[in-house]
Amino acid sequence: MPKSLFWTRTDTAGAEHALLDDSRGLTARGTMTAVDPIPYTCRYHLATDPQWVATRVEVETEGSGWLRSVRLERLGDGWRVTTSEQGDLDAALRITGHPPAGLPGTDDPDRLAGALDVDLGGAALFNALPVRRLGLTRAPADMPRRIDVAWILVPGLVVVPAEQVYTPLGPGRVRFASDTFTAEIDLDGEGYVTRYPGLAERVGPR
């Protein structure tokens, strides 16, 4: 992979490291670590078509006594979702006073139909998908773009449909909104996050 990006989490102790090739769409693999709600490691593989439409996402999360995985593969206008689980994440969450995550994946993949993008909770890299697909780094300011995404929650890997809104704010910045949450995200010239308030900041070697 010719490119390497690294973010530190600002909402919890953790980080994300992504290796990627964006010469023809995006191919990427990455690793995230975080301590909330319980300590876990998350590994992902991501692929898009040349227009930056997501075509395949594989995610694995692992913690003490448990391991989960989910795979999303595009089939026409919809998604095929497959999952696996070892151990008991919900038991680990209950021990620490957190509610159970529920089963990984989704019981109704048809609810994801129409989602051109996938969003992985806590992963700054995935914001680049709609930014690049919609050309938001060059788009006129204050023109909101509403999108449907397949949102993968971590660490449980439950997949839910979500509506998100990206609004260009001028060079190097977009406003992100989903439900009641909003953030003004700083981007580099290629559309990758440099600062996501309340989530992550990109860092390089010292």
N, C-alpha and C. Protein backbone atom coordinates (compact mmCIF):
# COMPACT_ATOMS: atom_id res chain seq x y z
N MET A 1 0.84 -1.19 0.00
CA MET A 1 0.00 0.00 0.00
C MET A 1 0.89 1.25 0.00
N PRO A 2 0.66 2.18 -0.92
CA PRO A 2 1.59 3.32 -1.05
C PRO A 2 1.36 4.45 -0.04
N LYS A 3 0.22 4.46 0.67
CA LYS A 3 -0.05 5.56 1.59
C LYS A 3 -0.34 5.02 2.99
N SER A 4 0.03 5.82 3.99
CA SER A 4 -0.17 5.46 5.39
C SER A 4 -0.71 6.69 6.12
N LEU A 5 -1.83 6.52 6.84
CA LEU A 5 -2.43 7.59 7.62
C LEU A 5 -2.64 7.11 9.04
N PHE A 6 -2.43 8.01 10.00
CA PHE A 6 -2.53 7.63 11.41
C PHE A 6 -3.30 8.72 12.16
N TRP A 7 -4.28 8.28 12.96
CA TRP A 7 -5.07 9.21 13.77
C TRP A 7 -5.01 8.78 15.23
N THR A 8 -4.99 9.75 16.14
CA THR A 8 -5.18 9.48 17.55
C THR A 8 -6.61 9.87 17.92
N ARG A 9 -7.22 9.07 18.76
CA ARG A 9 -8.58 9.37 19.21
C ARG A 9 -8.54 10.51 20.22
N THR A 10 -9.54 11.37 20.16
CA THR A 10 -9.65 12.46 21.11
C THR A 10 -10.83 12.27 22.06
N ASP A 11 -11.68 11.27 21.79
CA ASP A 11 -12.82 11.00 22.65
C ASP A 11 -12.53 9.92 23.67
N THR A 12 -11.47 9.14 23.44
CA THR A 12 -11.08 8.06 24.34
C THR A 12 -9.62 7.73 24.05
N ALA A 13 -9.03 6.84 24.83
CA ALA A 13 -7.68 6.37 24.53
C ALA A 13 -7.76 5.40 23.36
N GLY A 14 -7.05 5.70 22.28
CA GLY A 14 -7.10 4.83 21.12
C GLY A 14 -6.47 5.48 19.92
N ALA A 15 -6.43 4.74 18.81
CA ALA A 15 -5.79 5.22 17.58
C ALA A 15 -6.31 4.42 16.40
N GLU A 16 -6.02 4.94 15.20
CA GLU A 16 -6.35 4.26 13.95
C GLU A 16 -5.17 4.41 13.00
N HIS A 17 -4.76 3.31 12.37
CA HIS A 17 -3.70 3.34 11.36
C HIS A 17 -4.25 2.68 10.11
N ALA A 18 -4.22 3.40 8.99
CA ALA A 18 -4.74 2.90 7.72
C ALA A 18 -3.64 2.89 6.67
N LEU A 19 -3.55 1.81 5.92
CA LEU A 19 -2.71 1.69 4.74
C LEU A 19 -3.62 1.65 3.54
N LEU A 20 -3.32 2.42 2.50
CA LEU A 20 -4.29 2.54 1.42
C LEU A 20 -3.65 2.81 0.07
N ASP A 21 -4.43 2.49 -0.96
CA ASP A 21 -4.10 2.79 -2.34
C ASP A 21 -5.33 3.43 -2.96
N ASP A 22 -5.22 4.71 -3.35
CA ASP A 22 -6.36 5.42 -3.93
C ASP A 22 -6.12 5.81 -5.38
N SER A 23 -5.32 5.01 -6.09
CA SER A 23 -5.03 5.31 -7.48
C SER A 23 -6.20 5.01 -8.40
N ARG A 24 -7.09 4.11 -7.98
CA ARG A 24 -8.27 3.76 -8.76
C ARG A 24 -9.38 3.38 -7.78
N GLY A 25 -10.12 4.39 -7.31
CA GLY A 25 -10.99 4.14 -6.18
C GLY A 25 -10.14 3.99 -4.93
N LEU A 26 -10.62 3.22 -3.97
CA LEU A 26 -9.90 3.06 -2.72
C LEU A 26 -9.84 1.60 -2.31
N THR A 27 -8.64 1.16 -2.01
CA THR A 27 -8.41 -0.12 -1.35
C THR A 27 -7.64 0.18 -0.08
N ALA A 28 -8.12 -0.30 1.05
CA ALA A 28 -7.49 0.06 2.32
C ALA A 28 -7.63 -1.07 3.32
N ARG A 29 -6.67 -1.13 4.21
CA ARG A 29 -6.79 -1.98 5.39
C ARG A 29 -6.30 -1.17 6.58
N GLY A 30 -6.92 -1.38 7.71
CA GLY A 30 -6.57 -0.57 8.86
C GLY A 30 -6.80 -1.30 10.17
N THR A 31 -6.25 -0.71 11.22
CA THR A 31 -6.40 -1.23 12.58
C THR A 31 -6.77 -0.09 13.51
N MET A 32 -7.75 -0.32 14.34
CA MET A 32 -8.13 0.64 15.37
C MET A 32 -8.00 -0.03 16.74
N THR A 33 -7.66 0.76 17.74
CA THR A 33 -7.70 0.31 19.13
C THR A 33 -8.44 1.35 19.95
N ALA A 34 -9.16 0.90 20.96
CA ALA A 34 -9.87 1.81 21.85
C ALA A 34 -10.14 1.10 23.17
N VAL A 35 -10.36 1.87 24.23
CA VAL A 35 -10.62 1.29 25.54
C VAL A 35 -12.09 1.37 25.94
N ASP A 36 -12.90 2.09 25.17
CA ASP A 36 -14.33 2.24 25.50
C ASP A 36 -15.19 1.61 24.41
N PRO A 37 -16.29 0.91 24.77
CA PRO A 37 -16.78 0.72 26.14
C PRO A 37 -15.99 -0.31 26.94
N ILE A 38 -15.26 -1.21 26.23
CA ILE A 38 -14.27 -2.11 26.84
C ILE A 38 -13.09 -2.16 25.88
N PRO A 39 -11.90 -2.49 26.35
CA PRO A 39 -10.75 -2.51 25.45
C PRO A 39 -10.94 -3.50 24.29
N TYR A 40 -10.65 -3.03 23.07
CA TYR A 40 -10.78 -3.89 21.89
C TYR A 40 -9.84 -3.43 20.79
N THR A 41 -9.59 -4.35 19.87
CA THR A 41 -8.87 -4.07 18.63
C THR A 41 -9.82 -4.32 17.47
N CYS A 42 -9.80 -3.44 16.49
CA CYS A 42 -10.66 -3.56 15.31
C CYS A 42 -9.78 -3.54 14.07
N ARG A 43 -9.97 -4.54 13.20
CA ARG A 43 -9.24 -4.61 11.94
C ARG A 43 -10.23 -4.56 10.79
N TYR A 44 -9.91 -3.77 9.76
CA TYR A 44 -10.84 -3.67 8.63
C TYR A 44 -10.13 -3.73 7.30
N HIS A 45 -10.88 -4.20 6.29
CA HIS A 45 -10.48 -4.16 4.88
C HIS A 45 -11.62 -3.49 4.12
N LEU A 46 -11.28 -2.59 3.23
CA LEU A 46 -12.27 -1.78 2.53
C LEU A 46 -11.91 -1.69 1.06
N ALA A 47 -12.93 -1.81 0.19
CA ALA A 47 -12.71 -1.64 -1.24
C ALA A 47 -13.88 -0.87 -1.85
N THR A 48 -13.56 0.01 -2.81
CA THR A 48 -14.58 0.74 -3.56
C THR A 48 -14.36 0.50 -5.05
N ASP A 49 -15.33 0.93 -5.86
CA ASP A 49 -15.11 0.94 -7.31
C ASP A 49 -14.39 2.23 -7.69
N PRO A 50 -14.07 2.45 -8.95
CA PRO A 50 -13.33 3.67 -9.33
C PRO A 50 -14.05 4.97 -9.00
N GLN A 51 -15.37 4.91 -8.82
CA GLN A 51 -16.15 6.12 -8.46
C GLN A 51 -16.28 6.28 -6.95
N TRP A 52 -15.57 5.48 -6.18
CA TRP A 52 -15.57 5.54 -4.72
C TRP A 52 -16.88 5.07 -4.09
N VAL A 53 -17.64 4.25 -4.81
CA VAL A 53 -18.80 3.59 -4.23
C VAL A 53 -18.31 2.33 -3.52
N ALA A 54 -18.66 2.16 -2.27
CA ALA A 54 -18.19 1.01 -1.50
C ALA A 54 -18.70 -0.29 -2.10
N THR A 55 -17.82 -1.26 -2.26
CA THR A 55 -18.20 -2.56 -2.81
C THR A 55 -17.99 -3.71 -1.83
N ARG A 56 -17.05 -3.58 -0.90
CA ARG A 56 -16.79 -4.65 0.06
C ARG A 56 -16.14 -4.07 1.32
N VAL A 57 -16.64 -4.49 2.46
CA VAL A 57 -16.05 -4.09 3.73
C VAL A 57 -16.03 -5.32 4.64
N GLU A 58 -14.88 -5.61 5.20
CA GLU A 58 -14.73 -6.69 6.18
C GLU A 58 -14.17 -6.10 7.46
N VAL A 59 -14.82 -6.39 8.58
CA VAL A 59 -14.41 -5.84 9.87
C VAL A 59 -14.36 -6.96 10.90
N GLU A 60 -13.32 -6.92 11.73
CA GLU A 60 -13.18 -7.87 12.82
C GLU A 60 -12.85 -7.11 14.09
N THR A 61 -13.55 -7.40 15.17
CA THR A 61 -13.25 -6.81 16.47
C THR A 61 -12.91 -7.93 17.45
N GLU A 62 -11.98 -7.63 18.36
CA GLU A 62 -11.52 -8.66 19.29
C GLU A 62 -11.17 -8.04 20.63
N GLY A 63 -11.58 -8.73 21.68
CA GLY A 63 -11.23 -8.33 23.03
C GLY A 63 -11.02 -9.56 23.89
N SER A 64 -10.89 -9.37 25.17
CA SER A 64 -10.62 -10.48 26.09
C SER A 64 -11.82 -11.44 26.12
N GLY A 65 -11.63 -12.64 25.57
CA GLY A 65 -12.66 -13.67 25.61
C GLY A 65 -13.68 -13.62 24.50
N TRP A 66 -13.48 -12.79 23.48
CA TRP A 66 -14.47 -12.71 22.40
C TRP A 66 -13.84 -12.23 21.09
N LEU A 67 -14.50 -12.57 20.00
CA LEU A 67 -14.07 -12.18 18.65
C LEU A 67 -15.31 -12.14 17.76
N ARG A 68 -15.46 -11.06 17.01
CA ARG A 68 -16.59 -10.93 16.08
C ARG A 68 -16.09 -10.47 14.72
N SER A 69 -16.85 -10.83 13.67
CA SER A 69 -16.53 -10.33 12.33
C SER A 69 -17.82 -10.11 11.56
N VAL A 70 -17.76 -9.18 10.62
CA VAL A 70 -18.88 -8.92 9.71
C VAL A 70 -18.31 -8.60 8.34
N ARG A 71 -18.99 -9.08 7.30
CA ARG A 71 -18.58 -8.79 5.92
C ARG A 71 -19.79 -8.26 5.17
N LEU A 72 -19.59 -7.12 4.50
CA LEU A 72 -20.61 -6.54 3.63
C LEU A 72 -20.10 -6.60 2.20
N GLU A 73 -20.88 -7.20 1.31
CA GLU A 73 -20.53 -7.30 -0.10
C GLU A 73 -21.69 -6.77 -0.93
N ARG A 74 -21.38 -5.87 -1.85
CA ARG A 74 -22.44 -5.28 -2.67
C ARG A 74 -22.97 -6.29 -3.67
N LEU A 75 -24.30 -6.39 -3.73
CA LEU A 75 -24.98 -7.24 -4.70
C LEU A 75 -26.03 -6.38 -5.40
N GLY A 76 -25.71 -5.88 -6.59
CA GLY A 76 -26.65 -5.00 -7.29
C GLY A 76 -26.87 -3.73 -6.50
N ASP A 77 -28.13 -3.47 -6.12
CA ASP A 77 -28.47 -2.27 -5.34
C ASP A 77 -28.49 -2.54 -3.85
N GLY A 78 -28.15 -3.76 -3.44
CA GLY A 78 -28.21 -4.10 -2.03
C GLY A 78 -26.90 -4.67 -1.52
N TRP A 79 -26.98 -5.28 -0.33
CA TRP A 79 -25.80 -5.80 0.34
C TRP A 79 -26.06 -7.21 0.85
N ARG A 80 -25.03 -8.06 0.75
CA ARG A 80 -25.05 -9.33 1.44
C ARG A 80 -24.22 -9.17 2.70
N VAL A 81 -24.77 -9.57 3.83
CA VAL A 81 -24.11 -9.39 5.14
C VAL A 81 -23.91 -10.76 5.77
N THR A 82 -22.67 -11.08 6.10
CA THR A 82 -22.36 -12.34 6.78
C THR A 82 -21.56 -12.03 8.05
N THR A 83 -21.76 -12.84 9.07
CA THR A 83 -21.14 -12.58 10.37
C THR A 83 -20.60 -13.87 10.98
N SER A 84 -19.74 -13.70 11.98
CA SER A 84 -19.31 -14.82 12.81
C SER A 84 -19.00 -14.29 14.20
N GLU A 85 -19.04 -15.18 15.18
CA GLU A 85 -18.77 -14.76 16.56
C GLU A 85 -18.17 -15.92 17.33
N GLN A 86 -17.15 -15.61 18.13
CA GLN A 86 -16.57 -16.56 19.07
C GLN A 86 -16.56 -15.89 20.44
N GLY A 87 -16.78 -16.68 21.48
CA GLY A 87 -16.83 -16.09 22.81
C GLY A 87 -18.12 -15.33 23.02
N ASP A 88 -18.13 -14.41 23.99
CA ASP A 88 -19.36 -13.71 24.37
C ASP A 88 -19.08 -12.25 24.70
N LEU A 89 -19.20 -11.40 23.68
CA LEU A 89 -19.00 -9.96 23.88
C LEU A 89 -20.03 -9.40 24.86
N ASP A 90 -21.30 -9.82 24.72
CA ASP A 90 -22.33 -9.26 25.58
C ASP A 90 -22.05 -9.54 27.05
N ALA A 91 -21.50 -10.72 27.34
CA ALA A 91 -21.16 -11.04 28.73
C ALA A 91 -20.04 -10.12 29.22
N ALA A 92 -19.05 -9.85 28.36
CA ALA A 92 -17.95 -8.95 28.73
C ALA A 92 -18.47 -7.54 28.98
N LEU A 93 -19.44 -7.10 28.20
CA LEU A 93 -20.02 -5.77 28.39
C LEU A 93 -20.82 -5.70 29.69
N ARG A 94 -21.60 -6.73 29.98
CA ARG A 94 -22.41 -6.72 31.21
C ARG A 94 -21.53 -6.67 32.46
N ILE A 95 -20.41 -7.39 32.43
CA ILE A 95 -19.51 -7.42 33.58
C ILE A 95 -19.02 -6.02 33.94
N THR A 96 -18.84 -5.19 32.91
CA THR A 96 -18.33 -3.82 33.13
C THR A 96 -19.46 -2.79 33.23
N GLY A 97 -20.71 -3.28 33.30
CA GLY A 97 -21.83 -2.38 33.51
C GLY A 97 -22.39 -1.74 32.26
N HIS A 98 -22.02 -2.26 31.09
CA HIS A 98 -22.53 -1.72 29.82
C HIS A 98 -23.65 -2.59 29.27
N PRO A 99 -24.57 -2.00 28.52
CA PRO A 99 -25.65 -2.81 27.92
C PRO A 99 -25.09 -3.73 26.85
N PRO A 100 -25.77 -4.84 26.57
CA PRO A 100 -25.30 -5.76 25.54
C PRO A 100 -25.34 -5.11 24.16
N ALA A 101 -24.47 -5.57 23.27
CA ALA A 101 -24.40 -5.02 21.92
C ALA A 101 -25.44 -5.62 21.00
N GLY A 102 -25.92 -6.81 21.31
CA GLY A 102 -26.82 -7.50 20.40
C GLY A 102 -26.03 -8.30 19.37
N LEU A 103 -26.74 -8.96 18.48
CA LEU A 103 -26.10 -9.80 17.48
C LEU A 103 -25.39 -8.95 16.42
N PRO A 104 -24.24 -9.42 15.91
CA PRO A 104 -23.57 -8.67 14.84
C PRO A 104 -24.37 -8.75 13.54
N GLY A 105 -24.09 -7.80 12.63
CA GLY A 105 -24.76 -7.79 11.33
C GLY A 105 -26.14 -7.19 11.40
N THR A 106 -27.03 -7.67 10.55
CA THR A 106 -28.41 -7.18 10.50
C THR A 106 -29.33 -8.33 10.16
N ASP A 107 -30.54 -8.30 10.70
CA ASP A 107 -31.50 -9.35 10.38
C ASP A 107 -32.32 -9.00 9.14
N ASP A 108 -32.08 -7.82 8.56
CA ASP A 108 -32.83 -7.39 7.37
C ASP A 108 -31.93 -6.57 6.45
N PRO A 109 -31.11 -7.25 5.61
CA PRO A 109 -30.21 -6.52 4.71
C PRO A 109 -30.93 -5.58 3.75
N ASP A 110 -32.21 -5.82 3.49
CA ASP A 110 -32.95 -4.93 2.59
C ASP A 110 -33.03 -3.51 3.12
N ARG A 111 -32.89 -3.34 4.43
CA ARG A 111 -32.91 -1.99 5.00
C ARG A 111 -31.69 -1.18 4.57
N LEU A 112 -30.65 -1.87 4.08
CA LEU A 112 -29.44 -1.18 3.64
C LEU A 112 -29.46 -0.85 2.16
N ALA A 113 -30.51 -1.26 1.46
CA ALA A 113 -30.59 -1.01 0.01
C ALA A 113 -30.50 0.48 -0.26
N GLY A 114 -29.73 0.84 -1.25
CA GLY A 114 -29.56 2.25 -1.60
C GLY A 114 -28.38 2.91 -0.94
N ALA A 115 -27.76 2.25 0.03
CA ALA A 115 -26.57 2.83 0.69
C ALA A 115 -25.36 2.65 -0.21
N LEU A 116 -24.80 3.74 -0.69
CA LEU A 116 -23.60 3.70 -1.52
C LEU A 116 -22.33 3.75 -0.69
N ASP A 117 -22.47 4.16 0.56
CA ASP A 117 -21.31 4.32 1.44
C ASP A 117 -21.47 3.45 2.68
N VAL A 118 -20.35 3.08 3.25
CA VAL A 118 -20.31 2.38 4.53
C VAL A 118 -19.55 3.26 5.51
N ASP A 119 -20.05 3.33 6.74
CA ASP A 119 -19.38 4.10 7.79
C ASP A 119 -19.07 3.16 8.94
N LEU A 120 -17.83 3.18 9.40
CA LEU A 120 -17.40 2.35 10.52
C LEU A 120 -17.20 3.23 11.74
N GLY A 121 -17.91 2.94 12.81
CA GLY A 121 -17.83 3.76 14.01
C GLY A 121 -16.40 3.95 14.48
N GLY A 122 -16.02 5.19 14.75
CA GLY A 122 -14.70 5.51 15.26
C GLY A 122 -13.59 5.58 14.24
N ALA A 123 -13.88 5.28 12.95
CA ALA A 123 -12.84 5.23 11.92
C ALA A 123 -12.88 6.48 11.05
N ALA A 124 -11.87 7.33 11.18
CA ALA A 124 -11.82 8.58 10.43
C ALA A 124 -11.66 8.36 8.94
N LEU A 125 -11.04 7.25 8.54
CA LEU A 125 -10.82 7.02 7.11
C LEU A 125 -12.12 6.99 6.33
N PHE A 126 -13.19 6.44 6.91
CA PHE A 126 -14.41 6.18 6.16
C PHE A 126 -15.13 7.45 5.75
N ASN A 127 -14.84 8.59 6.37
CA ASN A 127 -15.44 9.85 5.92
C ASN A 127 -14.99 10.23 4.53
N ALA A 128 -13.85 9.69 4.10
CA ALA A 128 -13.35 10.02 2.76
C ALA A 128 -14.23 9.45 1.65
N LEU A 129 -15.01 8.40 1.95
CA LEU A 129 -15.80 7.78 0.89
C LEU A 129 -16.82 8.75 0.29
N PRO A 130 -17.74 9.32 1.09
CA PRO A 130 -18.67 10.28 0.49
C PRO A 130 -17.99 11.57 0.04
N VAL A 131 -16.94 11.99 0.74
CA VAL A 131 -16.24 13.22 0.35
C VAL A 131 -15.68 13.08 -1.06
N ARG A 132 -15.03 11.96 -1.35
CA ARG A 132 -14.46 11.76 -2.67
C ARG A 132 -15.53 11.40 -3.70
N ARG A 133 -16.48 10.56 -3.32
CA ARG A 133 -17.52 10.15 -4.27
C ARG A 133 -18.35 11.33 -4.76
N LEU A 134 -18.63 12.27 -3.87
CA LEU A 134 -19.46 13.43 -4.21
C LEU A 134 -18.64 14.65 -4.63
N GLY A 135 -17.31 14.53 -4.60
CA GLY A 135 -16.47 15.66 -4.99
C GLY A 135 -16.61 16.85 -4.06
N LEU A 136 -16.73 16.61 -2.76
CA LEU A 136 -17.03 17.70 -1.83
C LEU A 136 -15.86 18.64 -1.60
N THR A 137 -14.64 18.22 -1.92
CA THR A 137 -13.50 19.13 -1.75
C THR A 137 -13.54 20.26 -2.78
N ARG A 138 -14.31 20.06 -3.86
CA ARG A 138 -14.42 21.09 -4.91
C ARG A 138 -15.83 21.65 -5.03
N ALA A 139 -16.75 21.20 -4.19
CA ALA A 139 -18.15 21.59 -4.31
C ALA A 139 -18.38 22.99 -3.74
N PRO A 140 -19.40 23.70 -4.26
CA PRO A 140 -19.75 25.01 -3.70
C PRO A 140 -20.12 24.90 -2.22
N ALA A 141 -19.80 25.93 -1.47
CA ALA A 141 -20.08 25.92 -0.04
C ALA A 141 -21.57 25.99 0.22
N ASP A 142 -21.94 25.44 1.37
CA ASP A 142 -23.31 25.51 1.90
C ASP A 142 -24.34 24.86 1.00
N MET A 143 -23.95 23.77 0.33
CA MET A 143 -24.90 22.97 -0.44
C MET A 143 -24.92 21.57 0.16
N PRO A 144 -25.87 21.29 1.07
CA PRO A 144 -25.89 20.01 1.78
C PRO A 144 -26.13 18.84 0.82
N ARG A 145 -25.48 17.72 1.12
CA ARG A 145 -25.69 16.48 0.37
C ARG A 145 -26.13 15.41 1.36
N ARG A 146 -27.33 14.91 1.16
CA ARG A 146 -27.91 13.91 2.06
C ARG A 146 -27.65 12.52 1.49
N ILE A 147 -27.11 11.60 2.33
CA ILE A 147 -26.76 10.28 1.85
C ILE A 147 -27.28 9.22 2.82
N ASP A 148 -27.46 8.01 2.29
CA ASP A 148 -27.78 6.84 3.11
C ASP A 148 -26.54 5.99 3.22
N VAL A 149 -26.25 5.52 4.43
CA VAL A 149 -25.05 4.71 4.65
C VAL A 149 -25.42 3.45 5.42
N ALA A 150 -24.57 2.43 5.27
CA ALA A 150 -24.61 1.27 6.14
C ALA A 150 -23.61 1.54 7.26
N TRP A 151 -24.11 1.73 8.46
CA TRP A 151 -23.29 2.15 9.60
C TRP A 151 -22.97 0.92 10.46
N ILE A 152 -21.67 0.64 10.63
CA ILE A 152 -21.22 -0.49 11.41
C ILE A 152 -20.80 0.01 12.79
N LEU A 153 -21.52 -0.44 13.82
CA LEU A 153 -21.23 -0.01 15.18
C LEU A 153 -20.11 -0.88 15.77
N VAL A 154 -19.25 -0.26 16.56
CA VAL A 154 -18.18 -1.01 17.22
C VAL A 154 -18.33 -0.88 18.74
N PRO A 155 -17.95 -1.93 19.46
CA PRO A 155 -17.29 -3.14 18.98
C PRO A 155 -18.23 -4.26 18.56
N GLY A 156 -19.55 -4.05 18.67
CA GLY A 156 -20.49 -5.13 18.45
C GLY A 156 -20.71 -5.54 17.01
N LEU A 157 -20.37 -4.65 16.06
CA LEU A 157 -20.51 -4.89 14.61
C LEU A 157 -21.96 -5.09 14.19
N VAL A 158 -22.88 -4.47 14.92
CA VAL A 158 -24.26 -4.37 14.44
C VAL A 158 -24.27 -3.40 13.26
N VAL A 159 -25.01 -3.72 12.20
CA VAL A 159 -25.06 -2.89 11.00
C VAL A 159 -26.45 -2.29 10.89
N VAL A 160 -26.53 -0.97 10.84
CA VAL A 160 -27.82 -0.28 10.79
C VAL A 160 -27.82 0.74 9.66
N PRO A 161 -28.99 1.00 9.06
CA PRO A 161 -29.07 2.08 8.07
C PRO A 161 -29.04 3.43 8.79
N ALA A 162 -28.40 4.41 8.18
CA ALA A 162 -28.34 5.74 8.78
C ALA A 162 -28.36 6.79 7.68
N GLU A 163 -28.95 7.92 7.99
CA GLU A 163 -28.94 9.07 7.09
C GLU A 163 -27.92 10.07 7.59
N GLN A 164 -27.05 10.52 6.71
CA GLN A 164 -26.03 11.50 7.06
C GLN A 164 -26.09 12.67 6.08
N VAL A 165 -25.64 13.82 6.54
CA VAL A 165 -25.62 15.02 5.70
C VAL A 165 -24.22 15.61 5.72
N TYR A 166 -23.64 15.80 4.54
CA TYR A 166 -22.33 16.45 4.39
C TYR A 166 -22.55 17.79 3.69
N THR A 167 -22.05 18.86 4.31
CA THR A 167 -22.20 20.19 3.74
C THR A 167 -20.82 20.82 3.56
N PRO A 168 -20.38 21.08 2.34
CA PRO A 168 -19.10 21.76 2.15
C PRO A 168 -19.12 23.14 2.78
N LEU A 169 -18.02 23.52 3.42
CA LEU A 169 -17.91 24.82 4.08
C LEU A 169 -16.79 25.67 3.49
N GLY A 170 -16.30 25.27 2.33
CA GLY A 170 -15.14 25.94 1.74
C GLY A 170 -13.98 24.98 1.71
N PRO A 171 -12.84 25.46 1.19
CA PRO A 171 -11.69 24.56 1.06
C PRO A 171 -11.29 23.91 2.37
N GLY A 172 -11.19 22.57 2.35
CA GLY A 172 -10.67 21.85 3.49
C GLY A 172 -11.59 21.68 4.66
N ARG A 173 -12.89 21.87 4.49
CA ARG A 173 -13.79 21.70 5.64
C ARG A 173 -15.20 21.32 5.17
N VAL A 174 -15.80 20.36 5.90
CA VAL A 174 -17.19 19.99 5.68
C VAL A 174 -17.89 19.90 7.03
N ARG A 175 -19.19 20.13 6.99
CA ARG A 175 -20.01 19.90 8.20
C ARG A 175 -20.68 18.54 8.04
N PHE A 176 -20.51 17.71 9.07
CA PHE A 176 -21.13 16.39 9.11
C PHE A 176 -22.29 16.42 10.09
N ALA A 177 -23.42 15.83 9.70
CA ALA A 177 -24.57 15.76 10.59
C ALA A 177 -25.23 14.40 10.46
N SER A 178 -25.62 13.84 11.59
CA SER A 178 -26.37 12.59 11.61
C SER A 178 -27.23 12.61 12.86
N ASP A 179 -28.55 12.54 12.66
CA ASP A 179 -29.49 12.66 13.77
C ASP A 179 -29.24 13.99 14.47
N THR A 180 -28.91 14.00 15.77
CA THR A 180 -28.69 15.26 16.49
C THR A 180 -27.22 15.64 16.57
N PHE A 181 -26.33 14.79 16.02
CA PHE A 181 -24.89 15.05 16.12
C PHE A 181 -24.41 15.87 14.92
N THR A 182 -23.56 16.87 15.17
CA THR A 182 -22.92 17.63 14.10
C THR A 182 -21.46 17.88 14.45
N ALA A 183 -20.63 17.99 13.42
CA ALA A 183 -19.22 18.31 13.61
C ALA A 183 -18.69 18.94 12.34
N GLU A 184 -17.79 19.90 12.49
CA GLU A 184 -17.11 20.51 11.35
C GLU A 184 -15.75 19.85 11.22
N ILE A 185 -15.58 19.10 10.12
CA ILE A 185 -14.43 18.24 9.93
C ILE A 185 -13.42 18.92 9.00
N ASP A 186 -12.15 18.92 9.40
CA ASP A 186 -11.08 19.46 8.56
C ASP A 186 -10.51 18.34 7.69
N LEU A 187 -10.26 18.66 6.41
CA LEU A 187 -9.78 17.69 5.44
C LEU A 187 -8.49 18.17 4.79
N ASP A 188 -7.68 17.23 4.32
CA ASP A 188 -6.55 17.62 3.50
C ASP A 188 -6.99 17.75 2.05
N GLY A 189 -6.08 18.06 1.15
CA GLY A 189 -6.44 18.30 -0.24
C GLY A 189 -6.98 17.08 -0.97
N GLU A 190 -6.76 15.89 -0.41
CA GLU A 190 -7.25 14.66 -1.03
C GLU A 190 -8.55 14.17 -0.39
N GLY A 191 -9.06 14.91 0.58
CA GLY A 191 -10.34 14.55 1.18
C GLY A 191 -10.26 13.67 2.40
N TYR A 192 -9.06 13.46 2.96
CA TYR A 192 -8.91 12.65 4.16
C TYR A 192 -8.94 13.53 5.40
N VAL A 193 -9.53 13.02 6.45
CA VAL A 193 -9.71 13.78 7.69
C VAL A 193 -8.35 14.13 8.30
N THR A 194 -8.20 15.39 8.67
CA THR A 194 -7.05 15.81 9.48
C THR A 194 -7.48 16.10 10.92
N ARG A 195 -8.71 16.57 11.09
CA ARG A 195 -9.22 16.83 12.44
C ARG A 195 -10.73 16.64 12.43
N TYR A 196 -11.18 15.78 13.34
CA TYR A 196 -12.61 15.49 13.50
C TYR A 196 -12.92 15.77 14.96
N PRO A 197 -13.47 16.96 15.28
CA PRO A 197 -13.70 17.34 16.68
C PRO A 197 -14.52 16.27 17.41
N GLY A 198 -14.06 15.90 18.58
CA GLY A 198 -14.76 14.92 19.37
C GLY A 198 -14.50 13.49 18.97
N LEU A 199 -13.60 13.26 17.98
CA LEU A 199 -13.30 11.89 17.57
C LEU A 199 -11.81 11.64 17.39
N ALA A 200 -11.18 12.38 16.47
CA ALA A 200 -9.78 12.03 16.14
C ALA A 200 -9.05 13.20 15.51
N GLU A 201 -7.72 13.14 15.60
CA GLU A 201 -6.83 14.08 14.91
C GLU A 201 -5.73 13.28 14.24
N ARG A 202 -5.37 13.70 13.03
CA ARG A 202 -4.30 13.00 12.32
C ARG A 202 -2.94 13.46 12.81
N VAL A 203 -2.02 12.53 12.93
CA VAL A 203 -0.66 12.85 13.37
C VAL A 203 0.33 12.19 12.44
N GLY A 204 1.54 12.75 12.40
CA GLY A 204 2.62 12.18 11.62
C GLY A 204 3.84 11.95 12.48
N PRO A 205 4.91 11.43 11.90
CA PRO A 205 6.13 11.18 12.68
C PRO A 205 6.67 12.48 13.25
N ARG A 206 7.27 12.39 14.42
CA ARG A 206 7.89 13.57 15.05
C ARG A 206 9.34 13.70 14.61
